[in-house]
């Protein structure tokens, strides 16, 4: 891909990180991990309970990390599927930047919910961006993750 690419992601269980790293390698982009100022609990039940509450309230956590998106043409945005949408730190990131004239390409990892409302919700928060078709992978994509990412990137490249 010829565009200057940024691959941003939030991960809780490392699944989304794996996919982000593959995308970054294939696009020769810059990799950036979105980190909330206060980490989510490691315990699965605790994080599920907290995420459900935060998403229901429209909560936007403070972030410990940030990056200037200005130099990038294409921004791949990765998140786990939490309650049919993106994790709150990803929403904070999207609301905190100007995406006018940028291309945003969503990707997510999930435990059975697919893309759900993630793409639609990203469109609302990445105001002014062209949003391309996203990729969703179950878990970390397993042994076919790299093949799935490569096929998806070829499709995306046609829309850039």
C-alpha atoms as a PDB file:
ATOM      1  CA  UNK A   1       0.000   0.000   0.000  1.00  0.00           C
ATOM      2  CA  UNK A   2       1.317   3.410  -0.907  1.00  0.00           C
ATOM      3  CA  UNK A   3      -0.532   5.471   1.696  1.00  0.00           C
ATOM      4  CA  UNK A   4       1.056   6.536   4.965  1.00  0.00           C
ATOM      5  CA  UNK A   5      -0.711   4.158   7.348  1.00  0.00           C
ATOM      6  CA  UNK A   6      -1.306   4.178  11.089  1.00  0.00           C
ATOM      7  CA  UNK A   7      -2.555   1.075  12.879  1.00  0.00           C
ATOM      8  CA  UNK A   8      -4.119   1.972  16.231  1.00  0.00           C
ATOM      9  CA  UNK A   9      -5.694  -0.567  18.520  1.00  0.00           C
ATOM     10  CA  UNK A  10      -6.899  -1.328  22.004  1.00  0.00           C
ATOM     11  CA  UNK A  11      -6.557  -4.857  23.311  1.00  0.00           C
ATOM     12  CA  UNK A  12      -7.502  -6.520  26.559  1.00  0.00           C
ATOM     13  CA  UNK A  13      -6.536 -10.134  25.923  1.00  0.00           C
ATOM     14  CA  UNK A  14      -3.894  -9.617  23.181  1.00  0.00           C
ATOM     15  CA  UNK A  15      -6.185 -10.865  20.376  1.00  0.00           C
ATOM     16  CA  UNK A  16      -6.565  -7.439  18.781  1.00  0.00           C
ATOM     17  CA  UNK A  17      -2.817  -6.774  19.198  1.00  0.00           C
ATOM     18  CA  UNK A  18      -2.014  -9.858  17.119  1.00  0.00           C
ATOM     19  CA  UNK A  19      -4.206  -8.656  14.249  1.00  0.00           C
ATOM     20  CA  UNK A  20      -2.868  -5.092  14.518  1.00  0.00           C
ATOM     21  CA  UNK A  21       0.698  -6.371  14.254  1.00  0.00           C
ATOM     22  CA  UNK A  22      -0.129  -8.346  11.109  1.00  0.00           C
ATOM     23  CA  UNK A  23      -1.836  -5.313   9.531  1.00  0.00           C
ATOM     24  CA  UNK A  24       1.121  -3.116  10.443  1.00  0.00           C
ATOM     25  CA  UNK A  25       3.605  -5.560   8.932  1.00  0.00           C
ATOM     26  CA  UNK A  26       1.612  -5.835   5.693  1.00  0.00           C
ATOM     27  CA  UNK A  27       0.975  -2.090   5.319  1.00  0.00           C
ATOM     28  CA  UNK A  28       4.418  -1.016   6.550  1.00  0.00           C
ATOM     29  CA  UNK A  29       2.549   1.385   8.789  1.00  0.00           C
ATOM     30  CA  UNK A  30       3.114   2.791  12.249  1.00  0.00           C
ATOM     31  CA  UNK A  31       1.771   0.742  15.155  1.00  0.00           C
ATOM     32  CA  UNK A  32       0.175   2.467  18.149  1.00  0.00           C
ATOM     33  CA  UNK A  33      -1.525   0.916  21.166  1.00  0.00           C
ATOM     34  CA  UNK A  34      -4.346   2.857  22.813  1.00  0.00           C
ATOM     35  CA  UNK A  35      -3.907   2.553  26.572  1.00  0.00           C
ATOM     36  CA  UNK A  36      -6.445   3.817  29.096  1.00  0.00           C
ATOM     37  CA  UNK A  37      -5.034   5.845  31.986  1.00  0.00           C
ATOM     38  CA  UNK A  38      -6.492   3.237  34.321  1.00  0.00           C
ATOM     39  CA  UNK A  39      -6.134  -0.348  33.137  1.00  0.00           C
ATOM     40  CA  UNK A  40      -9.149  -2.612  33.014  1.00  0.00           C
ATOM     41  CA  UNK A  41      -9.282  -5.527  35.469  1.00  0.00           C
ATOM     42  CA  UNK A  42      -7.541  -8.705  34.310  1.00  0.00           C
ATOM     43  CA  UNK A  43     -10.394 -10.847  35.613  1.00  0.00           C
ATOM     44  CA  UNK A  44     -12.803 -11.657  32.772  1.00  0.00           C
ATOM     45  CA  UNK A  45     -16.027 -11.317  34.781  1.00  0.00           C
ATOM     46  CA  UNK A  46     -14.875  -8.008  36.265  1.00  0.00           C
ATOM     47  CA  UNK A  47     -13.950  -6.499  32.892  1.00  0.00           C
ATOM     48  CA  UNK A  48     -17.240  -7.664  31.341  1.00  0.00           C
ATOM     49  CA  UNK A  49     -19.201  -6.027  34.156  1.00  0.00           C
ATOM     50  CA  UNK A  50     -17.204  -2.783  33.928  1.00  0.00           C
ATOM     51  CA  UNK A  51     -17.374  -2.619  30.125  1.00  0.00           C
ATOM     52  CA  UNK A  52     -21.137  -3.164  30.083  1.00  0.00           C
ATOM     53  CA  UNK A  53     -21.616  -0.367  32.608  1.00  0.00           C
ATOM     54  CA  UNK A  54     -19.281   2.049  30.768  1.00  0.00           C
ATOM     55  CA  UNK A  55     -20.800   1.415  27.345  1.00  0.00           C
ATOM     56  CA  UNK A  56     -24.319   1.814  28.700  1.00  0.00           C
ATOM     57  CA  UNK A  57     -23.353   5.171  30.226  1.00  0.00           C
ATOM     58  CA  UNK A  58     -21.420   6.407  27.165  1.00  0.00           C
ATOM     59  CA  UNK A  59     -18.318   6.676  29.361  1.00  0.00           C
ATOM     60  CA  UNK A  60     -15.055   7.821  27.767  1.00  0.00           C
ATOM     61  CA  UNK A  61     -11.987   6.930  29.850  1.00  0.00           C
ATOM     62  CA  UNK A  62      -8.914   9.122  29.923  1.00  0.00           C
ATOM     63  CA  UNK A  63      -6.042   7.752  27.867  1.00  0.00           C
ATOM     64  CA  UNK A  64      -2.458   7.238  28.997  1.00  0.00           C
ATOM     65  CA  UNK A  65      -1.184   7.388  25.408  1.00  0.00           C
ATOM     66  CA  UNK A  66      -1.903   9.440  22.308  1.00  0.00           C
ATOM     67  CA  UNK A  67      -0.523  10.008  18.824  1.00  0.00           C
ATOM     68  CA  UNK A  68      -0.884  12.776  16.258  1.00  0.00           C
ATOM     69  CA  UNK A  69      -2.923  11.404  13.338  1.00  0.00           C
ATOM     70  CA  UNK A  70      -2.160  14.393  11.093  1.00  0.00           C
ATOM     71  CA  UNK A  71       0.652  12.761   9.059  1.00  0.00           C
ATOM     72  CA  UNK A  72      -1.398   9.667   8.214  1.00  0.00           C
ATOM     73  CA  UNK A  73      -3.694   9.108   5.236  1.00  0.00           C
ATOM     74  CA  UNK A  74      -5.131   5.738   6.277  1.00  0.00           C
ATOM     75  CA  UNK A  75      -5.872   4.823   9.876  1.00  0.00           C
ATOM     76  CA  UNK A  76      -6.703   1.219  10.740  1.00  0.00           C
ATOM     77  CA  UNK A  77      -8.606   1.181  14.038  1.00  0.00           C
ATOM     78  CA  UNK A  78      -8.792  -2.054  16.025  1.00  0.00           C
ATOM     79  CA  UNK A  79     -10.923  -3.019  18.997  1.00  0.00           C
ATOM     80  CA  UNK A  80     -12.381  -5.999  20.714  1.00  0.00           C
ATOM     81  CA  UNK A  81     -16.150  -6.297  20.307  1.00  0.00           C
ATOM     82  CA  UNK A  82     -17.530  -5.292  23.702  1.00  0.00           C
ATOM     83  CA  UNK A  83     -21.301  -5.396  23.959  1.00  0.00           C
ATOM     84  CA  UNK A  84     -21.693  -5.052  20.160  1.00  0.00           C
ATOM     85  CA  UNK A  85     -19.528  -1.950  19.899  1.00  0.00           C
ATOM     86  CA  UNK A  86     -15.949  -0.769  20.346  1.00  0.00           C
ATOM     87  CA  UNK A  87     -14.156  -0.684  23.689  1.00  0.00           C
ATOM     88  CA  UNK A  88     -14.521   2.727  25.405  1.00  0.00           C
ATOM     89  CA  UNK A  89     -10.806   3.650  25.044  1.00  0.00           C
ATOM     90  CA  UNK A  90     -11.209   3.402  21.250  1.00  0.00           C
ATOM     91  CA  UNK A  91     -14.215   5.723  21.381  1.00  0.00           C
ATOM     92  CA  UNK A  92     -12.156   8.202  23.432  1.00  0.00           C
ATOM     93  CA  UNK A  93      -9.392   8.051  20.833  1.00  0.00           C
ATOM     94  CA  UNK A  94     -11.759   8.604  17.911  1.00  0.00           C
ATOM     95  CA  UNK A  95     -13.525  11.528  19.595  1.00  0.00           C
ATOM     96  CA  UNK A  96     -10.195  13.151  20.378  1.00  0.00           C
ATOM     97  CA  UNK A  97      -8.935  13.506  16.805  1.00  0.00           C
ATOM     98  CA  UNK A  98      -9.835  15.227  13.554  1.00  0.00           C
ATOM     99  CA  UNK A  99     -10.361  12.641  10.836  1.00  0.00           C
ATOM    100  CA  UNK A 100     -11.453  15.019   8.081  1.00  0.00           C
ATOM    101  CA  UNK A 101      -9.957  13.854   4.798  1.00  0.00           C
ATOM    102  CA  UNK A 102      -8.661  10.614   6.327  1.00  0.00           C
ATOM    103  CA  UNK A 103      -9.622   7.045   5.544  1.00  0.00           C
ATOM    104  CA  UNK A 104     -10.544   4.951   8.588  1.00  0.00           C
ATOM    105  CA  UNK A 105     -10.576   1.178   8.321  1.00  0.00           C
ATOM    106  CA  UNK A 106     -12.061  -0.696  11.306  1.00  0.00           C
ATOM    107  CA  UNK A 107     -11.102  -4.155  12.474  1.00  0.00           C
ATOM    108  CA  UNK A 108     -12.209  -6.149  15.471  1.00  0.00           C
ATOM    109  CA  UNK A 109     -11.762  -9.365  17.335  1.00  0.00           C
ATOM    110  CA  UNK A 110     -14.717 -11.059  18.963  1.00  0.00           C
ATOM    111  CA  UNK A 111     -16.033 -14.096  20.737  1.00  0.00           C
ATOM    112  CA  UNK A 112     -18.966 -14.646  18.382  1.00  0.00           C
ATOM    113  CA  UNK A 113     -20.511 -11.214  17.855  1.00  0.00           C
ATOM    114  CA  UNK A 114     -18.730 -10.296  14.631  1.00  0.00           C
ATOM    115  CA  UNK A 115     -18.509  -6.631  13.672  1.00  0.00           C
ATOM    116  CA  UNK A 116     -21.955  -5.922  15.224  1.00  0.00           C
ATOM    117  CA  UNK A 117     -22.326  -2.090  15.431  1.00  0.00           C
ATOM    118  CA  UNK A 118     -18.618  -1.276  15.497  1.00  0.00           C
ATOM    119  CA  UNK A 119     -18.346   0.067  11.956  1.00  0.00           C
ATOM    120  CA  UNK A 120     -21.486   2.192  12.294  1.00  0.00           C
ATOM    121  CA  UNK A 121     -20.346   3.530  15.656  1.00  0.00           C
ATOM    122  CA  UNK A 122     -16.894   4.382  14.293  1.00  0.00           C
ATOM    123  CA  UNK A 123     -18.519   6.276  11.415  1.00  0.00           C
ATOM    124  CA  UNK A 124     -20.299   8.478  13.967  1.00  0.00           C
ATOM    125  CA  UNK A 125     -17.128   9.255  15.913  1.00  0.00           C
ATOM    126  CA  UNK A 126     -14.635   9.643  13.055  1.00  0.00           C
ATOM    127  CA  UNK A 127     -16.414  12.665  11.629  1.00  0.00           C
ATOM    128  CA  UNK A 128     -15.297  13.604   8.119  1.00  0.00           C
ATOM    129  CA  UNK A 129     -13.492  10.335   7.449  1.00  0.00           C
ATOM    130  CA  UNK A 130     -14.114   7.920   4.632  1.00  0.00           C
ATOM    131  CA  UNK A 131     -14.897   4.609   6.350  1.00  0.00           C
ATOM    132  CA  UNK A 132     -14.019   1.405   4.529  1.00  0.00           C
ATOM    133  CA  UNK A 133     -15.333  -2.109   5.088  1.00  0.00           C
ATOM    134  CA  UNK A 134     -13.988  -3.602   8.274  1.00  0.00           C
ATOM    135  CA  UNK A 135     -12.555  -6.969   9.200  1.00  0.00           C
ATOM    136  CA  UNK A 136     -13.787  -9.120  12.059  1.00  0.00           C
ATOM    137  CA  UNK A 137     -11.959 -12.165  13.333  1.00  0.00           C
ATOM    138  CA  UNK A 138     -13.022 -14.671  15.951  1.00  0.00           C
ATOM    139  CA  UNK A 139     -10.556 -14.691  18.841  1.00  0.00           C
ATOM    140  CA  UNK A 140      -7.103 -13.988  17.475  1.00  0.00           C
ATOM    141  CA  UNK A 141      -7.917 -15.416  14.059  1.00  0.00           C
ATOM    142  CA  UNK A 142      -6.071 -18.647  14.757  1.00  0.00           C
ATOM    143  CA  UNK A 143      -3.724 -20.150  12.192  1.00  0.00           C
ATOM    144  CA  UNK A 144      -5.536 -18.409   9.325  1.00  0.00           C
ATOM    145  CA  UNK A 145      -5.207 -14.876  10.738  1.00  0.00           C
ATOM    146  CA  UNK A 146      -2.440 -13.767   8.393  1.00  0.00           C
ATOM    147  CA  UNK A 147      -4.241 -15.173   5.343  1.00  0.00           C
ATOM    148  CA  UNK A 148      -7.502 -13.472   6.375  1.00  0.00           C
ATOM    149  CA  UNK A 149      -5.772 -10.125   6.912  1.00  0.00           C
ATOM    150  CA  UNK A 150      -3.967 -10.332   3.563  1.00  0.00           C
ATOM    151  CA  UNK A 151      -7.206 -11.049   1.683  1.00  0.00           C
ATOM    152  CA  UNK A 152      -9.009  -8.209   3.445  1.00  0.00           C
ATOM    153  CA  UNK A 153      -6.169  -5.748   2.796  1.00  0.00           C
ATOM    154  CA  UNK A 154      -6.307  -6.553  -0.939  1.00  0.00           C
ATOM    155  CA  UNK A 155     -10.019  -5.693  -0.931  1.00  0.00           C
ATOM    156  CA  UNK A 156      -9.426  -2.509   1.084  1.00  0.00           C
ATOM    157  CA  UNK A 157      -6.610  -1.424  -1.229  1.00  0.00           C
ATOM    158  CA  UNK A 158      -9.110  -1.262  -4.102  1.00  0.00           C
ATOM    159  CA  UNK A 159     -11.124   1.330  -2.168  1.00  0.00           C
ATOM    160  CA  UNK A 160      -8.220   3.568  -1.160  1.00  0.00           C
END
